[in-house]
N, C-alpha and C. Protein backbone atom coordinates (compact mmCIF):
# COMPACT_ATOMS: atom_id res chain seq x y z
N MET A 1 -18.92 105.09 -51.32
CA MET A 1 -17.97 105.71 -52.22
C MET A 1 -17.96 105.00 -53.56
N PHE A 2 -17.98 103.68 -53.55
CA PHE A 2 -17.95 102.92 -54.79
C PHE A 2 -19.32 102.32 -55.05
N ASP A 3 -19.61 102.06 -56.34
CA ASP A 3 -20.83 101.35 -56.70
C ASP A 3 -20.70 99.89 -56.29
N GLU A 4 -21.81 99.17 -56.38
CA GLU A 4 -21.78 97.76 -56.03
C GLU A 4 -20.88 97.01 -57.02
N PRO A 5 -20.29 95.90 -56.61
CA PRO A 5 -19.32 95.18 -57.44
C PRO A 5 -19.83 94.80 -58.84
N LEU A 6 -21.10 94.42 -58.97
CA LEU A 6 -21.63 94.04 -60.29
C LEU A 6 -21.53 95.20 -61.28
N LYS A 7 -21.84 96.41 -60.82
CA LYS A 7 -21.75 97.59 -61.69
C LYS A 7 -20.30 97.87 -62.07
N LEU A 8 -19.39 97.72 -61.12
CA LEU A 8 -17.98 97.96 -61.41
C LEU A 8 -17.45 96.93 -62.41
N VAL A 9 -17.81 95.67 -62.24
CA VAL A 9 -17.37 94.62 -63.16
C VAL A 9 -17.97 94.86 -64.54
N LEU A 10 -19.25 95.23 -64.58
CA LEU A 10 -19.91 95.50 -65.85
C LEU A 10 -19.22 96.66 -66.58
N GLY A 11 -18.85 97.70 -65.84
CA GLY A 11 -18.13 98.83 -66.43
C GLY A 11 -16.77 98.42 -66.95
N LEU A 12 -16.06 97.59 -66.18
CA LEU A 12 -14.75 97.11 -66.61
C LEU A 12 -14.86 96.26 -67.87
N VAL A 13 -15.81 95.34 -67.88
CA VAL A 13 -15.97 94.44 -69.03
C VAL A 13 -16.36 95.23 -70.28
N THR A 14 -17.33 96.13 -70.15
CA THR A 14 -17.73 96.90 -71.33
C THR A 14 -16.60 97.83 -71.79
N GLY A 15 -15.81 98.35 -70.86
CA GLY A 15 -14.66 99.18 -71.23
C GLY A 15 -13.61 98.38 -72.00
N ILE A 16 -13.36 97.17 -71.56
CA ILE A 16 -12.39 96.31 -72.26
C ILE A 16 -12.91 95.98 -73.65
N ILE A 17 -14.19 95.63 -73.75
CA ILE A 17 -14.77 95.32 -75.06
C ILE A 17 -14.67 96.53 -75.99
N PHE A 18 -14.98 97.71 -75.46
CA PHE A 18 -14.89 98.93 -76.26
C PHE A 18 -13.46 99.17 -76.74
N GLY A 19 -12.49 98.98 -75.85
CA GLY A 19 -11.09 99.16 -76.23
C GLY A 19 -10.65 98.17 -77.29
N VAL A 20 -11.07 96.92 -77.16
CA VAL A 20 -10.73 95.90 -78.16
C VAL A 20 -11.34 96.28 -79.51
N LEU A 21 -12.60 96.73 -79.50
CA LEU A 21 -13.25 97.12 -80.75
C LEU A 21 -12.58 98.34 -81.38
N LEU A 22 -12.15 99.30 -80.55
CA LEU A 22 -11.40 100.45 -81.09
C LEU A 22 -10.12 99.98 -81.76
N GLN A 23 -9.42 99.06 -81.10
CA GLN A 23 -8.17 98.56 -81.65
C GLN A 23 -8.41 97.77 -82.93
N LYS A 24 -9.39 96.89 -82.92
CA LYS A 24 -9.68 96.08 -84.10
C LYS A 24 -10.19 96.93 -85.26
N GLY A 25 -10.91 98.00 -84.95
CA GLY A 25 -11.39 98.92 -85.98
C GLY A 25 -10.31 99.86 -86.50
N GLN A 26 -9.13 99.80 -85.89
CA GLN A 26 -7.96 100.59 -86.25
C GLN A 26 -8.17 102.09 -86.10
N VAL A 27 -9.13 102.50 -85.26
CA VAL A 27 -9.37 103.92 -85.11
C VAL A 27 -8.36 104.59 -84.19
N ALA A 28 -7.47 103.82 -83.58
CA ALA A 28 -6.40 104.40 -82.78
C ALA A 28 -5.14 104.61 -83.61
N LYS A 29 -5.25 104.41 -84.90
CA LYS A 29 -4.11 104.60 -85.80
C LYS A 29 -4.09 106.03 -86.33
N PHE A 30 -2.92 106.64 -86.30
CA PHE A 30 -2.75 108.01 -86.78
C PHE A 30 -3.25 108.16 -88.21
N GLN A 31 -2.95 107.18 -89.07
CA GLN A 31 -3.34 107.26 -90.47
C GLN A 31 -4.86 107.31 -90.64
N LYS A 32 -5.57 106.56 -89.82
CA LYS A 32 -7.04 106.55 -89.90
C LYS A 32 -7.60 107.92 -89.48
N LEU A 33 -7.05 108.47 -88.41
CA LEU A 33 -7.53 109.77 -87.95
C LEU A 33 -7.21 110.87 -88.96
N MET A 34 -6.02 110.85 -89.52
CA MET A 34 -5.68 111.85 -90.52
C MET A 34 -6.53 111.68 -91.77
N GLY A 35 -6.80 110.43 -92.15
CA GLY A 35 -7.70 110.16 -93.27
C GLY A 35 -9.08 110.75 -93.02
N GLN A 36 -9.53 110.69 -91.77
CA GLN A 36 -10.83 111.27 -91.43
C GLN A 36 -10.79 112.79 -91.56
N PHE A 37 -9.73 113.41 -91.03
CA PHE A 37 -9.64 114.87 -91.10
C PHE A 37 -9.54 115.35 -92.54
N LEU A 38 -8.94 114.54 -93.40
CA LEU A 38 -8.80 114.89 -94.82
C LEU A 38 -10.02 114.46 -95.64
N LEU A 39 -11.02 113.90 -94.97
CA LEU A 39 -12.26 113.43 -95.61
C LEU A 39 -11.99 112.37 -96.68
N LYS A 40 -11.01 111.51 -96.39
CA LYS A 40 -10.67 110.43 -97.32
C LYS A 40 -11.02 109.05 -96.76
N ASP A 41 -11.07 108.92 -95.45
CA ASP A 41 -11.33 107.64 -94.81
C ASP A 41 -12.32 107.88 -93.67
N PHE A 42 -13.50 107.30 -93.77
CA PHE A 42 -14.56 107.55 -92.79
C PHE A 42 -14.69 106.44 -91.76
N THR A 43 -13.63 105.67 -91.58
CA THR A 43 -13.64 104.59 -90.60
C THR A 43 -13.93 105.10 -89.20
N VAL A 44 -13.34 106.22 -88.82
CA VAL A 44 -13.51 106.76 -87.47
C VAL A 44 -14.96 107.18 -87.26
N VAL A 45 -15.54 107.91 -88.19
CA VAL A 45 -16.94 108.34 -88.04
C VAL A 45 -17.86 107.13 -87.98
N LYS A 46 -17.62 106.16 -88.84
CA LYS A 46 -18.47 104.96 -88.84
C LYS A 46 -18.35 104.21 -87.52
N SER A 47 -17.14 104.08 -87.01
CA SER A 47 -16.93 103.36 -85.75
C SER A 47 -17.56 104.10 -84.58
N MET A 48 -17.33 105.41 -84.52
CA MET A 48 -17.84 106.17 -83.39
C MET A 48 -19.36 106.29 -83.44
N ALA A 49 -19.93 106.45 -84.62
CA ALA A 49 -21.38 106.52 -84.74
C ALA A 49 -22.01 105.19 -84.30
N THR A 50 -21.39 104.10 -84.70
CA THR A 50 -21.88 102.79 -84.28
C THR A 50 -21.77 102.64 -82.76
N ALA A 51 -20.65 103.08 -82.20
CA ALA A 51 -20.47 103.01 -80.74
C ALA A 51 -21.50 103.87 -80.02
N ILE A 52 -21.82 105.03 -80.55
CA ILE A 52 -22.83 105.89 -79.94
C ILE A 52 -24.19 105.21 -79.96
N ALA A 53 -24.55 104.62 -81.10
CA ALA A 53 -25.85 103.94 -81.21
C ALA A 53 -25.93 102.76 -80.24
N VAL A 54 -24.91 101.91 -80.27
CA VAL A 54 -24.92 100.73 -79.39
C VAL A 54 -24.87 101.16 -77.92
N GLY A 55 -24.04 102.14 -77.61
CA GLY A 55 -23.92 102.62 -76.24
C GLY A 55 -25.21 103.25 -75.73
N THR A 56 -25.88 104.01 -76.58
CA THR A 56 -27.14 104.63 -76.18
C THR A 56 -28.19 103.57 -75.85
N ILE A 57 -28.31 102.58 -76.73
CA ILE A 57 -29.25 101.49 -76.48
C ILE A 57 -28.85 100.74 -75.20
N GLY A 58 -27.56 100.43 -75.09
CA GLY A 58 -27.07 99.66 -73.94
C GLY A 58 -27.27 100.37 -72.62
N VAL A 59 -26.94 101.64 -72.57
CA VAL A 59 -27.08 102.39 -71.31
C VAL A 59 -28.55 102.47 -70.90
N HIS A 60 -29.42 102.78 -71.85
CA HIS A 60 -30.84 102.88 -71.50
C HIS A 60 -31.42 101.51 -71.12
N ALA A 61 -30.93 100.45 -71.74
CA ALA A 61 -31.39 99.10 -71.36
C ALA A 61 -30.91 98.77 -69.95
N LEU A 62 -29.66 99.10 -69.63
CA LEU A 62 -29.14 98.84 -68.29
C LEU A 62 -29.90 99.64 -67.23
N VAL A 63 -30.23 100.88 -67.56
CA VAL A 63 -31.02 101.70 -66.63
C VAL A 63 -32.40 101.07 -66.42
N ALA A 64 -33.02 100.63 -67.52
CA ALA A 64 -34.35 100.01 -67.43
C ALA A 64 -34.31 98.73 -66.59
N LEU A 65 -33.19 98.01 -66.64
CA LEU A 65 -33.05 96.77 -65.86
C LEU A 65 -32.58 97.02 -64.43
N GLY A 66 -32.28 98.28 -64.10
CA GLY A 66 -31.81 98.61 -62.77
C GLY A 66 -30.35 98.30 -62.53
N LEU A 67 -29.59 98.09 -63.61
CA LEU A 67 -28.17 97.76 -63.48
C LEU A 67 -27.27 98.99 -63.61
N ALA A 68 -27.85 100.13 -63.93
CA ALA A 68 -27.06 101.36 -64.07
C ALA A 68 -27.96 102.55 -63.75
N GLU A 69 -27.33 103.67 -63.53
CA GLU A 69 -28.05 104.92 -63.29
C GLU A 69 -27.45 105.99 -64.19
N ILE A 70 -28.28 106.90 -64.63
CA ILE A 70 -27.80 108.04 -65.41
C ILE A 70 -27.75 109.23 -64.47
N HIS A 71 -26.58 109.84 -64.36
CA HIS A 71 -26.41 111.03 -63.54
C HIS A 71 -26.27 112.22 -64.49
N ILE A 72 -27.29 113.02 -64.54
CA ILE A 72 -27.34 114.15 -65.47
C ILE A 72 -26.52 115.32 -64.90
N GLN A 73 -25.64 115.85 -65.73
CA GLN A 73 -24.91 117.06 -65.37
C GLN A 73 -25.72 118.27 -65.84
N THR A 74 -25.47 119.42 -65.26
CA THR A 74 -26.19 120.61 -65.70
C THR A 74 -25.76 120.98 -67.12
N ALA A 75 -26.68 121.53 -67.85
CA ALA A 75 -26.41 121.97 -69.23
C ALA A 75 -25.75 123.34 -69.17
N SER A 76 -24.47 123.35 -68.86
CA SER A 76 -23.70 124.57 -68.66
C SER A 76 -22.96 124.93 -69.94
N LEU A 77 -23.23 126.11 -70.46
CA LEU A 77 -22.58 126.58 -71.68
C LEU A 77 -21.07 126.67 -71.48
N ALA A 78 -20.62 127.14 -70.33
CA ALA A 78 -19.19 127.29 -70.07
C ALA A 78 -18.49 125.93 -70.07
N ARG A 79 -19.11 124.93 -69.44
CA ARG A 79 -18.51 123.59 -69.42
C ARG A 79 -18.38 123.03 -70.83
N VAL A 80 -19.40 123.26 -71.64
CA VAL A 80 -19.35 122.76 -73.02
C VAL A 80 -18.23 123.45 -73.79
N ILE A 81 -18.11 124.76 -73.63
CA ILE A 81 -17.07 125.51 -74.35
C ILE A 81 -15.68 125.10 -73.88
N VAL A 82 -15.47 125.08 -72.56
CA VAL A 82 -14.15 124.70 -72.03
C VAL A 82 -13.81 123.27 -72.42
N GLY A 83 -14.76 122.35 -72.25
CA GLY A 83 -14.52 120.96 -72.62
C GLY A 83 -14.24 120.80 -74.10
N GLY A 84 -14.99 121.51 -74.94
CA GLY A 84 -14.78 121.44 -76.39
C GLY A 84 -13.41 121.98 -76.80
N VAL A 85 -13.01 123.08 -76.19
CA VAL A 85 -11.69 123.66 -76.50
C VAL A 85 -10.58 122.71 -76.07
N LEU A 86 -10.69 122.16 -74.86
CA LEU A 86 -9.66 121.22 -74.39
C LEU A 86 -9.62 119.96 -75.25
N PHE A 87 -10.79 119.41 -75.57
CA PHE A 87 -10.85 118.20 -76.39
C PHE A 87 -10.28 118.47 -77.77
N GLY A 88 -10.72 119.56 -78.40
CA GLY A 88 -10.24 119.89 -79.74
C GLY A 88 -8.76 120.19 -79.79
N THR A 89 -8.26 120.91 -78.79
CA THR A 89 -6.83 121.22 -78.73
C THR A 89 -6.02 119.94 -78.57
N GLY A 90 -6.46 119.09 -77.65
CA GLY A 90 -5.76 117.82 -77.45
C GLY A 90 -5.77 116.96 -78.69
N LEU A 91 -6.91 116.89 -79.38
CA LEU A 91 -7.01 116.09 -80.60
C LEU A 91 -6.11 116.66 -81.70
N ALA A 92 -6.07 117.99 -81.83
CA ALA A 92 -5.23 118.61 -82.86
C ALA A 92 -3.74 118.41 -82.59
N ILE A 93 -3.33 118.51 -81.33
CA ILE A 93 -1.91 118.38 -80.99
C ILE A 93 -1.49 116.92 -80.95
N PHE A 94 -2.32 116.11 -80.34
CA PHE A 94 -1.97 114.72 -80.04
C PHE A 94 -2.34 113.77 -81.18
N GLY A 95 -3.40 114.10 -81.91
CA GLY A 95 -3.83 113.23 -83.00
C GLY A 95 -4.70 112.07 -82.55
N LEU A 96 -5.04 112.02 -81.28
CA LEU A 96 -5.91 110.97 -80.75
C LEU A 96 -6.88 111.61 -79.76
N CYS A 97 -8.07 111.03 -79.65
CA CYS A 97 -9.01 111.49 -78.63
C CYS A 97 -8.78 110.65 -77.37
N PRO A 98 -9.43 110.96 -76.25
CA PRO A 98 -9.17 110.20 -75.02
C PRO A 98 -9.38 108.70 -75.17
N GLY A 99 -10.46 108.27 -75.81
CA GLY A 99 -10.72 106.83 -75.96
C GLY A 99 -9.69 106.14 -76.84
N THR A 100 -9.39 106.75 -77.99
CA THR A 100 -8.42 106.12 -78.89
C THR A 100 -7.01 106.17 -78.33
N SER A 101 -6.72 107.18 -77.50
CA SER A 101 -5.38 107.24 -76.92
C SER A 101 -5.16 106.11 -75.92
N VAL A 102 -6.21 105.76 -75.15
CA VAL A 102 -6.08 104.65 -74.22
C VAL A 102 -5.95 103.34 -74.99
N ALA A 103 -6.71 103.20 -76.10
CA ALA A 103 -6.58 102.01 -76.95
C ALA A 103 -5.17 101.92 -77.53
N ALA A 104 -4.63 103.04 -77.99
CA ALA A 104 -3.27 103.06 -78.53
C ALA A 104 -2.25 102.73 -77.44
N CYS A 105 -2.53 103.17 -76.23
CA CYS A 105 -1.68 102.83 -75.08
C CYS A 105 -1.65 101.32 -74.90
N GLY A 106 -2.81 100.71 -75.01
CA GLY A 106 -2.92 99.25 -74.88
C GLY A 106 -2.15 98.52 -75.96
N GLU A 107 -1.95 99.18 -77.10
CA GLU A 107 -1.14 98.59 -78.17
C GLU A 107 0.35 98.73 -77.89
N GLY A 108 0.68 99.50 -76.85
CA GLY A 108 2.09 99.68 -76.49
C GLY A 108 2.73 100.89 -77.14
N ARG A 109 1.94 101.79 -77.70
CA ARG A 109 2.50 102.96 -78.37
C ARG A 109 2.95 103.99 -77.34
N ARG A 110 4.22 104.34 -77.40
CA ARG A 110 4.80 105.26 -76.42
C ARG A 110 4.23 106.67 -76.56
N ASP A 111 3.97 107.10 -77.80
CA ASP A 111 3.41 108.44 -77.98
C ASP A 111 2.05 108.54 -77.28
N ALA A 112 1.28 107.46 -77.32
CA ALA A 112 -0.02 107.46 -76.66
C ALA A 112 0.15 107.49 -75.15
N MET A 113 1.17 106.81 -74.65
CA MET A 113 1.40 106.80 -73.21
C MET A 113 1.72 108.21 -72.71
N ILE A 114 2.50 108.93 -73.47
CA ILE A 114 2.82 110.32 -73.11
C ILE A 114 1.56 111.17 -73.20
N GLY A 115 0.74 110.93 -74.22
CA GLY A 115 -0.52 111.66 -74.35
C GLY A 115 -1.47 111.40 -73.20
N VAL A 116 -1.58 110.16 -72.76
CA VAL A 116 -2.44 109.82 -71.63
C VAL A 116 -1.90 110.49 -70.36
N LEU A 117 -0.59 110.48 -70.20
CA LEU A 117 0.01 111.19 -69.07
C LEU A 117 -0.34 112.68 -69.14
N GLY A 118 -0.30 113.23 -70.34
CA GLY A 118 -0.69 114.64 -70.54
C GLY A 118 -2.14 114.89 -70.18
N MET A 119 -3.01 113.91 -70.47
CA MET A 119 -4.42 114.07 -70.09
C MET A 119 -4.57 114.15 -68.57
N PHE A 120 -3.82 113.29 -67.86
CA PHE A 120 -3.87 113.32 -66.40
C PHE A 120 -3.34 114.65 -65.86
N VAL A 121 -2.25 115.14 -66.44
CA VAL A 121 -1.69 116.42 -66.01
C VAL A 121 -2.70 117.54 -66.31
N GLY A 122 -3.28 117.52 -67.51
CA GLY A 122 -4.27 118.52 -67.87
C GLY A 122 -5.48 118.50 -66.95
N ALA A 123 -5.94 117.32 -66.59
CA ALA A 123 -7.07 117.21 -65.66
C ALA A 123 -6.70 117.79 -64.31
N GLY A 124 -5.47 117.52 -63.87
CA GLY A 124 -5.01 118.07 -62.60
C GLY A 124 -4.93 119.59 -62.63
N VAL A 125 -4.43 120.13 -63.73
CA VAL A 125 -4.34 121.59 -63.88
C VAL A 125 -5.74 122.20 -63.87
N TYR A 126 -6.68 121.54 -64.56
CA TYR A 126 -8.06 122.04 -64.60
C TYR A 126 -8.66 122.04 -63.19
N VAL A 127 -8.45 120.96 -62.45
CA VAL A 127 -8.98 120.88 -61.08
C VAL A 127 -8.35 121.98 -60.22
N ALA A 128 -7.06 122.20 -60.38
CA ALA A 128 -6.38 123.24 -59.59
C ALA A 128 -6.86 124.63 -59.99
N ALA A 129 -7.15 124.84 -61.28
CA ALA A 129 -7.57 126.16 -61.77
C ALA A 129 -9.07 126.39 -61.60
N PHE A 130 -9.82 125.34 -61.28
CA PHE A 130 -11.28 125.45 -61.23
C PHE A 130 -11.78 126.57 -60.31
N PRO A 131 -11.23 126.71 -59.10
CA PRO A 131 -11.73 127.80 -58.25
C PRO A 131 -11.59 129.18 -58.91
N ALA A 132 -10.51 129.40 -59.63
CA ALA A 132 -10.33 130.68 -60.31
C ALA A 132 -11.26 130.81 -61.51
N LEU A 133 -11.59 129.69 -62.16
CA LEU A 133 -12.47 129.71 -63.33
C LEU A 133 -13.95 129.77 -62.96
N GLN A 134 -14.27 129.41 -61.72
CA GLN A 134 -15.67 129.30 -61.31
C GLN A 134 -16.49 130.58 -61.52
N PRO A 135 -15.98 131.77 -61.23
CA PRO A 135 -16.80 132.96 -61.49
C PRO A 135 -17.17 133.10 -62.97
N MET A 136 -16.23 132.81 -63.86
CA MET A 136 -16.51 132.88 -65.30
C MET A 136 -17.55 131.82 -65.69
N ILE A 137 -17.40 130.62 -65.14
CA ILE A 137 -18.32 129.53 -65.46
C ILE A 137 -19.73 129.88 -64.97
N LYS A 138 -19.83 130.42 -63.77
CA LYS A 138 -21.14 130.76 -63.21
C LYS A 138 -21.79 131.93 -63.96
N ALA A 139 -20.98 132.79 -64.59
CA ALA A 139 -21.52 133.94 -65.31
C ALA A 139 -22.18 133.53 -66.62
N MET A 140 -21.83 132.37 -67.15
CA MET A 140 -22.41 131.92 -68.42
C MET A 140 -23.69 131.12 -68.16
N ALA A 141 -24.47 130.97 -69.21
CA ALA A 141 -25.77 130.29 -69.10
C ALA A 141 -25.63 128.86 -68.58
N ASP A 142 -26.55 128.49 -67.71
CA ASP A 142 -26.64 127.12 -67.20
C ASP A 142 -28.13 126.77 -67.16
N TYR A 143 -28.49 125.76 -67.93
CA TYR A 143 -29.90 125.42 -68.10
C TYR A 143 -30.37 124.34 -67.12
N GLY A 144 -29.52 123.97 -66.18
CA GLY A 144 -29.91 122.99 -65.16
C GLY A 144 -29.81 121.56 -65.66
N LYS A 145 -30.27 120.66 -64.81
CA LYS A 145 -30.24 119.23 -65.13
C LYS A 145 -31.48 118.90 -65.95
N VAL A 146 -31.35 119.00 -67.25
CA VAL A 146 -32.49 118.82 -68.13
C VAL A 146 -32.13 117.86 -69.27
N THR A 147 -33.10 117.05 -69.65
CA THR A 147 -32.91 116.13 -70.78
C THR A 147 -34.00 116.39 -71.82
N LEU A 148 -33.77 115.95 -73.03
CA LEU A 148 -34.78 116.11 -74.08
C LEU A 148 -36.08 115.40 -73.75
N PRO A 149 -36.04 114.18 -73.21
CA PRO A 149 -37.32 113.56 -72.81
C PRO A 149 -38.07 114.38 -71.75
N GLN A 150 -37.35 114.99 -70.82
CA GLN A 150 -38.01 115.83 -69.82
C GLN A 150 -38.63 117.07 -70.45
N LEU A 151 -37.87 117.70 -71.36
CA LEU A 151 -38.37 118.92 -72.00
C LEU A 151 -39.62 118.66 -72.83
N THR A 152 -39.67 117.48 -73.47
CA THR A 152 -40.78 117.18 -74.37
C THR A 152 -41.86 116.31 -73.73
N GLY A 153 -41.59 115.81 -72.53
CA GLY A 153 -42.56 114.94 -71.87
C GLY A 153 -42.75 113.62 -72.60
N THR A 154 -41.68 113.12 -73.21
CA THR A 154 -41.76 111.87 -73.97
C THR A 154 -40.84 110.82 -73.36
N SER A 155 -40.99 109.60 -73.84
CA SER A 155 -40.17 108.49 -73.37
C SER A 155 -38.73 108.65 -73.87
N PRO A 156 -37.75 108.31 -73.02
CA PRO A 156 -36.36 108.32 -73.51
C PRO A 156 -36.17 107.39 -74.71
N TRP A 157 -36.96 106.31 -74.77
CA TRP A 157 -36.82 105.36 -75.88
C TRP A 157 -37.20 105.98 -77.21
N LEU A 158 -38.07 106.98 -77.22
CA LEU A 158 -38.39 107.69 -78.46
C LEU A 158 -37.14 108.39 -78.98
N TRP A 159 -36.40 109.01 -78.07
CA TRP A 159 -35.16 109.71 -78.44
C TRP A 159 -34.06 108.73 -78.82
N VAL A 160 -33.99 107.62 -78.11
CA VAL A 160 -33.01 106.59 -78.44
C VAL A 160 -33.28 106.07 -79.85
N GLY A 161 -34.54 105.73 -80.13
CA GLY A 161 -34.90 105.24 -81.46
C GLY A 161 -34.64 106.25 -82.55
N GLY A 162 -34.96 107.52 -82.27
CA GLY A 162 -34.70 108.58 -83.25
C GLY A 162 -33.22 108.75 -83.54
N LEU A 163 -32.40 108.74 -82.48
CA LEU A 163 -30.95 108.87 -82.64
C LEU A 163 -30.39 107.71 -83.45
N VAL A 164 -30.80 106.51 -83.09
CA VAL A 164 -30.30 105.32 -83.80
C VAL A 164 -30.73 105.37 -85.27
N ALA A 165 -31.96 105.77 -85.54
CA ALA A 165 -32.42 105.88 -86.92
C ALA A 165 -31.59 106.90 -87.70
N LEU A 166 -31.33 108.06 -87.08
CA LEU A 166 -30.49 109.08 -87.74
C LEU A 166 -29.09 108.56 -88.02
N ILE A 167 -28.53 107.83 -87.08
CA ILE A 167 -27.18 107.28 -87.27
C ILE A 167 -27.19 106.28 -88.41
N ILE A 168 -28.18 105.42 -88.46
CA ILE A 168 -28.26 104.43 -89.55
C ILE A 168 -28.37 105.13 -90.90
N ILE A 169 -29.20 106.15 -90.99
CA ILE A 169 -29.36 106.91 -92.24
C ILE A 169 -28.04 107.59 -92.61
N ALA A 170 -27.40 108.23 -91.64
CA ALA A 170 -26.13 108.92 -91.91
C ALA A 170 -25.05 107.94 -92.36
N LEU A 171 -24.98 106.78 -91.71
CA LEU A 171 -23.98 105.78 -92.11
C LEU A 171 -24.26 105.25 -93.51
N ALA A 172 -25.52 105.07 -93.85
CA ALA A 172 -25.86 104.60 -95.20
C ALA A 172 -25.46 105.63 -96.25
N ILE A 173 -25.68 106.91 -95.94
CA ILE A 173 -25.29 107.98 -96.88
C ILE A 173 -23.77 108.03 -97.02
N ILE A 174 -23.06 107.96 -95.90
CA ILE A 174 -21.59 107.97 -95.94
C ILE A 174 -21.08 106.80 -96.76
N GLU A 175 -21.64 105.63 -96.53
CA GLU A 175 -21.19 104.43 -97.26
C GLU A 175 -21.46 104.55 -98.75
N ARG A 176 -22.56 105.18 -99.09
CA ARG A 176 -22.89 105.35 -100.52
C ARG A 176 -21.93 106.34 -101.19
N ILE A 177 -21.63 107.44 -100.48
CA ILE A 177 -20.76 108.48 -101.03
C ILE A 177 -19.29 108.06 -100.98
N HIS A 178 -18.89 107.44 -99.86
CA HIS A 178 -17.49 107.03 -99.65
C HIS A 178 -17.44 105.56 -99.26
N PRO A 179 -17.61 104.65 -100.22
CA PRO A 179 -17.58 103.23 -99.85
C PRO A 179 -16.21 102.83 -99.30
N LYS A 180 -16.21 101.82 -98.44
CA LYS A 180 -14.97 101.33 -97.85
C LYS A 180 -14.06 100.83 -98.96
N GLN A 181 -12.84 101.31 -98.92
CA GLN A 181 -11.83 100.88 -99.90
C GLN A 181 -11.10 99.66 -99.36
N PRO A 182 -10.85 98.68 -100.20
CA PRO A 182 -10.12 97.52 -99.70
C PRO A 182 -8.70 97.91 -99.31
N ASP A 183 -8.20 97.26 -98.26
CA ASP A 183 -6.83 97.50 -97.82
C ASP A 183 -5.86 97.03 -98.89
N THR A 184 -4.92 97.89 -99.26
CA THR A 184 -3.94 97.52 -100.29
C THR A 184 -2.67 96.97 -99.68
N LYS A 185 -2.54 97.07 -98.34
CA LYS A 185 -1.34 96.55 -97.68
C LYS A 185 -1.46 95.04 -97.55
N LEU A 186 -0.38 94.37 -97.77
CA LEU A 186 -0.35 92.90 -97.61
C LEU A 186 0.44 92.50 -96.41
C-alpha cells in the first residue's frame, strides 16, 4: 500500500523544502498573486517556472537513480477540462492555488485553512460524483498513457533539456521586460 520508507521521507523532505521556498518567495501572498494577474509583478511566474525546471530535472534524476517512479496517467481530454475548470475556479475564488494555499496555511493564515478545507470537500464531492461523470468522461477523447519521448522515440532528457532551456529563455525575457522592483516597504 505504501512506498518504501526512503521514498516517503524523500517526498516529505522535498515537500517541506518546496513549501519553505514558496513562503520565502512570498508567492503565497494575496498581493503577489493579484500583481501577477494584473501583469505588474511576475514573482509568481518566475518562482513557478523555476520550480518546474528544478522539479523536472529532479524527478528525472530520481527516476534514473531508481529512487522514484513516474506513473503516467492517460491523456484524457475530459480530465484536463474538468481539472482546469476546478483549478481555475478555485484560484479565482480563493486567490491561491493548491500549493500556495498549503504554504499560506503553514504561515497560519485562517483564510488559507478554510480554502484547504474547501479543497478536501471539493475532492470528496468529485469522488462522490465520479460515477455519474464517468459516462461523459469516457465519451471524450483519451489518448492513453503516452509521453512525448515515447511519441518521438527520443530520450526523456532531450525533453527535459528543451523545457529547461525554454524556461531560462522565458525568464530572461520576463526579467528584461519587467525587471524586479525593489521592495519599498521597510
